[in-house]
């Protein structure tokens, strides 16, 4: 193997301390006896010696100036020690073990769905939702123990929640830490659990929760109710409850954003002469002026009669689409009068003129908002 420590680790001379450490970890794993076999022992010593020097700023500076840096293949220097070996092979630092795991934990969030109609989405509403969820046990009040008793300290781990074991490796003896199996890592044992909740600190029940549905919601909108979800194990804090909205289709109105659209049928004579029609809106009946000469598919807009804006003031608009009705049958007198009108207008022998195909509803809306004729 090369005598160049940088080449041994496979890094450049400008490598950062983090890059050097990563390179060492990678090589150390490759040279583990279970992977590379016993023949990699000499190479591992060279890698350890290079890392010992290059991971120490003083030794690295001395090495870059032409010195050897006094590398120690077994990590006696300041840059390489037991904690690096432990972290390399067991993915943990060699510091003090963590404390016992808490029994009290936050509960899970919950999701329920409710259906509302268009009027409720427009103006907002109040609802009661039924939720099957976990609540604090009323017998033990979340302690998990039978009333009058309390958890006892685990005799196996002494309340630490973890146990330490010494294992042999090719580097010698290595101490590992793992959760205590006797207490499941809690550090305490409940010898007399609550009979109501079986030591969970919580029980399931059905609750009725009021929900304020604001104006402007639509299908897919979720309302967050903080702290109304499931109570956690050990009587821990409750999660959140999310109420998802599903909006039912309306028989007359179509919703697009906060605007509403509907169609009304109008006789051709009324469109030609002009009239006032009554339109049933979500706010009641409204009179709508139809100007003389109104054309098929023309749109009349009623401002502020759409859906309320979510988390903002005001409302969208109601767009009334005019659908002209041409009589399919005429009696003799009606036909005579209509023919006289056609003669007066010079339309008794009309000439067909080619025009562009009528645009769809969305195209007409786009042109209208863009100010096109």
Protein backbone atom coordinates (compact mmCIF):
# COMPACT_ATOMS: atom_id res chain seq x y z
CA UNK A 1 0.00 0.00 0.00
CA UNK A 2 1.12 3.59 -0.67
CA UNK A 3 2.88 5.59 2.05
CA UNK A 4 0.77 8.66 1.19
CA UNK A 5 -1.92 8.95 3.87
CA UNK A 6 -4.20 10.92 1.57
CA UNK A 7 -3.89 8.23 -1.10
CA UNK A 8 -4.54 5.50 1.47
CA UNK A 9 -7.85 7.13 2.44
CA UNK A 10 -8.66 8.05 -1.14
CA UNK A 11 -9.08 11.81 -0.51
CA UNK A 12 -7.42 14.92 -1.85
CA UNK A 13 -4.99 17.06 0.15
CA UNK A 14 -7.69 19.74 0.35
CA UNK A 15 -10.22 17.32 1.90
CA UNK A 16 -12.26 18.63 4.82
CA UNK A 17 -12.27 16.84 8.21
CA UNK A 18 -15.78 15.57 7.44
CA UNK A 19 -14.65 14.10 4.09
CA UNK A 20 -11.73 12.38 5.81
CA UNK A 21 -14.01 10.91 8.44
CA UNK A 22 -16.48 9.63 5.83
CA UNK A 23 -13.67 8.03 3.83
CA UNK A 24 -12.35 6.28 6.93
CA UNK A 25 -15.78 4.94 7.85
CA UNK A 26 -16.30 3.56 4.37
CA UNK A 27 -12.94 1.81 4.32
CA UNK A 28 -13.39 0.47 7.84
CA UNK A 29 -16.65 -1.17 6.86
CA UNK A 30 -15.07 -2.68 3.75
CA UNK A 31 -12.30 -4.19 5.82
CA UNK A 32 -14.51 -5.72 8.49
CA UNK A 33 -13.49 -9.41 9.00
CA UNK A 34 -17.01 -10.54 8.06
CA UNK A 35 -16.65 -8.79 4.70
CA UNK A 36 -12.97 -8.81 3.71
CA UNK A 37 -11.71 -11.71 5.83
CA UNK A 38 -8.61 -11.84 8.06
CA UNK A 39 -6.25 -10.89 5.22
CA UNK A 40 -7.37 -7.25 5.46
CA UNK A 41 -5.80 -6.77 8.92
CA UNK A 42 -2.60 -5.13 7.64
CA UNK A 43 -4.52 -2.82 5.34
CA UNK A 44 -6.80 -1.81 8.20
CA UNK A 45 -3.76 -0.83 10.28
CA UNK A 46 -2.54 1.42 7.46
CA UNK A 47 -5.96 3.03 7.11
CA UNK A 48 -6.17 3.55 10.87
CA UNK A 49 -2.71 5.09 10.93
CA UNK A 50 -3.60 7.48 8.09
CA UNK A 51 -6.86 8.49 9.76
CA UNK A 52 -5.15 9.00 13.11
CA UNK A 53 -2.84 11.56 11.54
CA UNK A 54 -5.17 13.32 9.11
CA UNK A 55 -8.05 13.63 11.60
CA UNK A 56 -5.86 15.52 14.07
CA UNK A 57 -5.22 19.14 12.97
CA UNK A 58 -1.77 19.32 14.60
CA UNK A 59 -0.64 15.95 13.27
CA UNK A 60 -2.00 16.73 9.82
CA UNK A 61 -0.17 20.07 9.73
CA UNK A 62 3.05 18.32 10.76
CA UNK A 63 2.50 15.63 8.11
CA UNK A 64 1.85 18.21 5.37
CA UNK A 65 5.15 19.89 6.30
CA UNK A 66 7.03 16.66 5.68
CA UNK A 67 6.79 14.93 9.06
CA UNK A 68 5.18 11.57 9.80
CA UNK A 69 2.69 12.85 12.36
CA UNK A 70 3.40 9.98 14.81
CA UNK A 71 0.43 7.97 13.57
CA UNK A 72 -0.82 5.22 15.88
CA UNK A 73 -2.54 2.37 14.01
CA UNK A 74 -4.75 1.49 16.97
CA UNK A 75 -6.02 4.97 17.58
CA UNK A 76 -3.94 6.12 20.54
CA UNK A 77 -3.82 9.68 19.16
CA UNK A 78 -6.36 12.39 19.76
CA UNK A 79 -8.02 11.98 16.35
CA UNK A 80 -9.06 8.33 16.60
CA UNK A 81 -10.45 6.49 19.55
CA UNK A 82 -13.01 4.10 20.89
CA UNK A 83 -15.96 6.35 20.03
CA UNK A 84 -15.03 6.36 16.32
CA UNK A 85 -14.88 2.56 16.23
CA UNK A 86 -18.20 2.30 18.06
CA UNK A 87 -19.88 4.79 15.75
CA UNK A 88 -18.45 3.09 12.66
CA UNK A 89 -19.71 -0.41 13.41
CA UNK A 90 -22.77 0.21 15.60
CA UNK A 91 -23.96 3.60 14.22
CA UNK A 92 -24.00 5.11 17.67
CA UNK A 93 -21.70 7.29 19.76
CA UNK A 94 -19.86 5.77 22.66
CA UNK A 95 -21.30 8.28 25.14
CA UNK A 96 -23.72 7.75 27.99
CA UNK A 97 -26.85 5.69 27.19
CA UNK A 98 -30.15 7.46 26.77
CA UNK A 99 -32.65 7.60 29.59
CA UNK A 100 -35.80 5.50 29.84
CA UNK A 101 -38.51 5.94 27.22
CA UNK A 102 -41.53 7.95 28.42
CA UNK A 103 -44.86 6.12 28.80
CA UNK A 104 -46.74 9.33 28.07
CA UNK A 105 -46.80 10.02 24.32
CA UNK A 106 -48.81 12.23 22.00
CA UNK A 107 -51.88 10.67 20.42
CA UNK A 108 -52.48 10.22 16.72
CA UNK A 109 -54.35 12.66 14.50
CA UNK A 110 -57.81 11.61 13.31
CA UNK A 111 -59.77 12.30 10.11
CA UNK A 112 -63.54 12.37 9.58
CA UNK A 113 -65.55 13.40 6.51
CA UNK A 114 -68.85 15.26 6.38
CA UNK A 115 -71.16 16.16 3.49
CA UNK A 116 -72.66 19.62 3.10
CA UNK A 117 -74.86 21.19 0.45
CA UNK A 118 -74.11 24.24 -1.69
CA UNK A 119 -76.00 26.66 0.56
CA UNK A 120 -73.97 25.55 3.59
CA UNK A 121 -70.74 25.99 1.63
CA UNK A 122 -71.91 29.44 0.53
CA UNK A 123 -72.90 30.86 3.90
CA UNK A 124 -71.12 28.56 6.37
CA UNK A 125 -72.78 26.31 8.93
CA UNK A 126 -72.41 24.48 12.24
CA UNK A 127 -72.26 20.71 12.48
CA UNK A 128 -71.88 17.99 15.09
CA UNK A 129 -69.54 15.14 14.12
CA UNK A 130 -69.49 11.74 15.81
CA UNK A 131 -65.99 10.42 16.40
CA UNK A 132 -64.85 7.07 17.78
CA UNK A 133 -61.63 8.01 19.53
CA UNK A 134 -59.41 7.40 22.55
CA UNK A 135 -59.89 9.48 25.70
CA UNK A 136 -58.17 9.52 29.09
CA UNK A 137 -59.20 6.57 31.24
CA UNK A 138 -61.61 7.80 33.87
CA UNK A 139 -60.57 5.10 36.36
CA UNK A 140 -56.80 5.61 36.50
CA UNK A 141 -56.72 9.15 35.03
CA UNK A 142 -53.98 8.11 32.61
CA UNK A 143 -51.58 6.57 35.17
CA UNK A 144 -52.11 3.08 33.68
CA UNK A 145 -52.15 1.61 37.23
CA UNK A 146 -54.97 0.37 39.40
CA UNK A 147 -56.06 3.23 41.68
CA UNK A 148 -53.91 3.27 44.80
CA UNK A 149 -50.89 1.67 43.11
CA UNK A 150 -47.99 3.00 41.10
CA UNK A 151 -45.29 1.64 38.76
CA UNK A 152 -42.22 0.04 40.35
CA UNK A 153 -38.65 0.49 39.22
CA UNK A 154 -37.45 -2.23 36.87
CA UNK A 155 -35.13 -4.60 38.71
CA UNK A 156 -33.28 -5.63 35.56
CA UNK A 157 -32.12 -2.22 34.33
CA UNK A 158 -32.46 -0.31 37.59
CA UNK A 159 -34.78 2.25 36.01
CA UNK A 160 -32.43 3.17 33.17
CA UNK A 161 -34.61 1.61 30.50
CA UNK A 162 -31.58 0.03 28.80
CA UNK A 163 -28.99 -2.64 29.48
CA UNK A 164 -25.33 -2.80 28.43
CA UNK A 165 -23.57 -5.84 27.07
CA UNK A 166 -19.93 -6.52 26.21
CA UNK A 167 -19.30 -8.14 22.83
CA UNK A 168 -16.04 -9.31 21.31
CA UNK A 169 -14.90 -8.03 17.91
CA UNK A 170 -11.69 -8.09 15.95
CA UNK A 171 -10.85 -4.80 17.70
CA UNK A 172 -11.35 -6.28 21.14
CA UNK A 173 -14.25 -5.90 23.54
CA UNK A 174 -17.03 -3.47 22.54
CA UNK A 175 -19.86 -2.41 24.84
CA UNK A 176 -23.33 -2.13 23.31
CA UNK A 177 -26.53 -0.62 24.74
CA UNK A 178 -30.03 -1.93 23.97
CA UNK A 179 -33.55 -1.38 25.42
CA UNK A 180 -34.39 -3.47 28.46
CA UNK A 181 -36.70 -6.33 27.50
CA UNK A 182 -38.13 -6.63 31.02
CA UNK A 183 -39.65 -3.12 31.05
CA UNK A 184 -39.72 -2.47 27.26
CA UNK A 185 -37.35 0.45 27.76
CA UNK A 186 -39.65 2.40 30.11
CA UNK A 187 -37.52 1.90 33.22
CA UNK A 188 -40.60 0.98 35.27
CA UNK A 189 -42.91 -2.01 35.41
CA UNK A 190 -46.67 -1.84 35.97
CA UNK A 191 -47.33 -4.90 38.11
CA UNK A 192 -50.98 -4.03 38.80
CA UNK A 193 -52.45 -2.41 35.65
CA UNK A 194 -55.79 -0.62 35.57
CA UNK A 195 -58.58 -3.07 34.77
CA UNK A 196 -60.57 -0.45 32.83
CA UNK A 197 -57.88 0.43 30.26
CA UNK A 198 -55.60 -2.64 30.66
CA UNK A 199 -52.67 -0.42 31.51
CA UNK A 200 -53.01 1.84 28.44
CA UNK A 201 -54.10 4.96 30.31
CA UNK A 202 -56.82 5.55 27.71
CA UNK A 203 -60.09 4.00 26.55
CA UNK A 204 -62.11 4.27 23.35
CA UNK A 205 -65.46 6.00 23.28
CA UNK A 206 -67.81 7.87 20.91
CA UNK A 207 -67.74 11.65 21.19
CA UNK A 208 -69.86 14.38 19.65
CA UNK A 209 -67.73 17.36 18.61
CA UNK A 210 -69.12 20.69 17.28
CA UNK A 211 -67.59 21.95 14.05
CA UNK A 212 -67.85 25.45 12.63
CA UNK A 213 -67.79 25.24 8.83
CA UNK A 214 -66.76 28.62 7.38
CA UNK A 215 -68.20 30.05 4.17
CA UNK A 216 -66.24 29.24 1.04
CA UNK A 217 -65.23 25.64 1.79
CA UNK A 218 -65.35 23.11 -1.04
CA UNK A 219 -64.75 19.41 -1.54
CA UNK A 220 -61.32 18.52 -0.18
CA UNK A 221 -61.12 21.39 2.30
CA UNK A 222 -59.90 20.22 5.71
CA UNK A 223 -60.79 21.96 8.97
CA UNK A 224 -58.27 21.41 11.78
CA UNK A 225 -59.56 21.00 15.33
CA UNK A 226 -56.50 21.22 17.56
CA UNK A 227 -56.37 18.71 20.42
CA UNK A 228 -59.56 16.90 19.39
CA UNK A 229 -57.84 13.77 18.08
CA UNK A 230 -56.86 10.63 19.95
CA UNK A 231 -55.40 10.84 23.46
CA UNK A 232 -51.92 9.32 23.52
CA UNK A 233 -50.70 6.27 25.49
CA UNK A 234 -50.34 6.92 29.19
CA UNK A 235 -52.93 9.69 28.99
CA UNK A 236 -50.63 11.71 26.74
CA UNK A 237 -51.72 14.88 24.92
CA UNK A 238 -54.33 14.42 22.21
CA UNK A 239 -53.57 14.72 18.54
CA UNK A 240 -55.58 16.88 16.16
CA UNK A 241 -58.87 16.13 14.41
CA UNK A 242 -59.23 16.98 10.72
CA UNK A 243 -62.71 17.35 9.23
CA UNK A 244 -62.71 16.90 5.45
CA UNK A 245 -65.52 18.51 3.46
CA UNK A 246 -67.47 16.79 0.70
CA UNK A 247 -69.86 19.13 -1.17
CA UNK A 248 -72.99 17.63 -2.69
CA UNK A 249 -73.89 18.58 -6.26
CA UNK A 250 -76.73 21.11 -6.65
CA UNK A 251 -79.57 20.40 -9.12
CA UNK A 252 -79.57 23.93 -10.60
CA UNK A 253 -76.24 25.59 -9.88
CA UNK A 254 -72.75 24.61 -10.98
CA UNK A 255 -69.86 25.91 -8.89
CA UNK A 256 -66.58 27.10 -10.41
CA UNK A 257 -64.38 28.50 -7.70
CA UNK A 258 -66.49 31.00 -5.79
CA UNK A 259 -68.74 31.75 -8.80
CA UNK A 260 -72.03 30.01 -9.53
CA UNK A 261 -73.49 29.26 -12.97
CA UNK A 262 -77.05 28.40 -14.01
CA UNK A 263 -79.15 28.41 -17.17
CA UNK A 264 -82.62 29.84 -17.79
CA UNK A 265 -84.86 29.14 -20.77
CA UNK A 266 -86.23 32.27 -22.48
CA UNK A 267 -88.72 32.48 -25.40
CA UNK A 268 -87.24 34.06 -28.51
CA UNK A 269 -89.90 36.76 -28.47
CA UNK A 270 -88.92 37.79 -24.92
CA UNK A 271 -85.26 37.90 -25.93
CA UNK A 272 -86.08 40.04 -28.95
CA UNK A 273 -88.38 42.45 -27.13
CA UNK A 274 -86.65 42.47 -23.75
CA UNK A 275 -88.26 41.57 -20.45
CA UNK A 276 -87.78 41.11 -16.73
CA UNK A 277 -87.44 37.54 -15.47
CA UNK A 278 -87.34 36.16 -11.95
CA UNK A 279 -84.39 33.94 -11.05
CA UNK A 280 -84.30 31.76 -7.95
CA UNK A 281 -80.93 32.30 -6.24
CA UNK A 282 -79.48 31.04 -2.97
CA UNK A 283 -80.53 34.41 -1.53
CA UNK A 284 -84.10 34.16 -2.74
CA UNK A 285 -85.87 35.34 -5.89
CA UNK A 286 -84.16 38.15 -7.81
CA UNK A 287 -85.51 40.22 -10.74
CA UNK A 288 -83.19 40.18 -13.75
CA UNK A 289 -83.49 42.63 -16.66
CA UNK A 290 -83.16 41.07 -20.11
CA UNK A 291 -82.32 43.73 -22.66
CA UNK A 292 -84.00 43.71 -26.11
CA UNK A 293 -82.03 41.72 -28.65
CA UNK A 294 -80.48 39.31 -26.18
CA UNK A 295 -78.68 36.56 -28.08
CA UNK A 296 -78.51 32.81 -27.42
CA UNK A 297 -75.96 31.75 -24.78
CA UNK A 298 -75.57 35.32 -23.55
CA UNK A 299 -74.50 35.57 -19.89
CA UNK A 300 -76.14 37.88 -17.35
CA UNK A 301 -74.05 38.41 -14.20
CA UNK A 302 -75.50 39.03 -10.74
CA UNK A 303 -72.71 40.45 -8.59
CA UNK A 304 -72.17 39.14 -5.08
CA UNK A 305 -74.63 36.25 -5.27
CA UNK A 306 -72.05 33.48 -5.51
CA UNK A 307 -70.17 31.55 -2.80
CA UNK A 308 -68.53 33.37 0.10
CA UNK A 309 -64.75 33.79 -0.10
CA UNK A 310 -62.93 31.48 2.32
CA UNK A 311 -61.14 33.43 5.10
CA UNK A 312 -62.01 36.71 3.36
CA UNK A 313 -64.92 39.07 2.99
CA UNK A 314 -67.28 39.25 0.03
CA UNK A 315 -68.72 36.65 -2.29
CA UNK A 316 -68.38 35.47 -5.86
CA UNK A 317 -70.91 36.15 -8.62
CA UNK A 318 -73.88 34.31 -10.11
CA UNK A 319 -73.73 33.93 -13.90
CA UNK A 320 -77.07 33.32 -15.64
CA UNK A 321 -76.75 31.70 -19.09
CA UNK A 322 -79.61 32.50 -21.50
CA UNK A 323 -80.98 29.48 -23.38
CA UNK A 324 -83.41 30.67 -26.10
CA UNK A 325 -86.41 28.46 -26.82
CA UNK A 326 -87.68 28.25 -30.41
CA UNK A 327 -91.31 27.01 -30.68
CA UNK A 328 -91.52 23.59 -32.28
CA UNK A 329 -95.21 23.87 -33.20
CA UNK A 330 -97.30 26.87 -34.30
CA UNK A 331 -101.04 27.15 -34.87
CA UNK A 332 -102.34 28.75 -38.06
CA UNK A 333 -102.67 32.27 -36.64
CA UNK A 334 -99.21 32.17 -35.06
CA UNK A 335 -97.65 30.92 -38.27
CA UNK A 336 -99.39 33.68 -40.29
CA UNK A 337 -98.17 36.41 -37.95
CA UNK A 338 -94.65 35.03 -37.92
CA UNK A 339 -94.54 34.91 -41.70
CA UNK A 340 -95.72 38.54 -41.86
CA UNK A 341 -92.90 39.47 -39.46
CA UNK A 342 -90.41 37.64 -41.65
CA UNK A 343 -91.60 39.60 -44.71
CA UNK A 344 -91.38 42.90 -42.83
CA UNK A 345 -87.83 42.08 -41.77
CA UNK A 346 -86.83 40.82 -45.19
CA UNK A 347 -86.22 37.37 -43.80
CA UNK A 348 -88.80 35.41 -45.79
CA UNK A 349 -86.04 34.14 -48.11
CA UNK A 350 -82.93 34.24 -45.88
CA UNK A 351 -79.47 33.37 -47.15
CA UNK A 352 -77.38 31.05 -45.00
CA UNK A 353 -74.05 32.58 -43.94
CA UNK A 354 -71.15 30.50 -42.70
CA UNK A 355 -69.84 31.52 -39.27
CA UNK A 356 -67.42 30.03 -36.79
CA UNK A 357 -68.69 27.16 -34.68
CA UNK A 358 -70.06 28.35 -31.34
CA UNK A 359 -67.54 28.35 -28.54
CA UNK A 360 -68.00 26.27 -25.45
CA UNK A 361 -69.06 27.68 -22.10
CA UNK A 362 -65.52 28.05 -20.81
CA UNK A 363 -64.36 29.74 -24.00
CA UNK A 364 -67.26 32.21 -23.81
CA UNK A 365 -66.41 32.97 -20.17
CA UNK A 366 -62.79 33.50 -21.10
CA UNK A 367 -63.67 35.87 -23.93
CA UNK A 368 -66.12 37.76 -21.72
CA UNK A 369 -63.58 38.31 -18.95
CA UNK A 370 -60.97 39.30 -21.52
CA UNK A 371 -63.34 41.95 -22.95
CA UNK A 372 -63.64 40.30 -26.37
CA UNK A 373 -66.87 40.65 -28.38
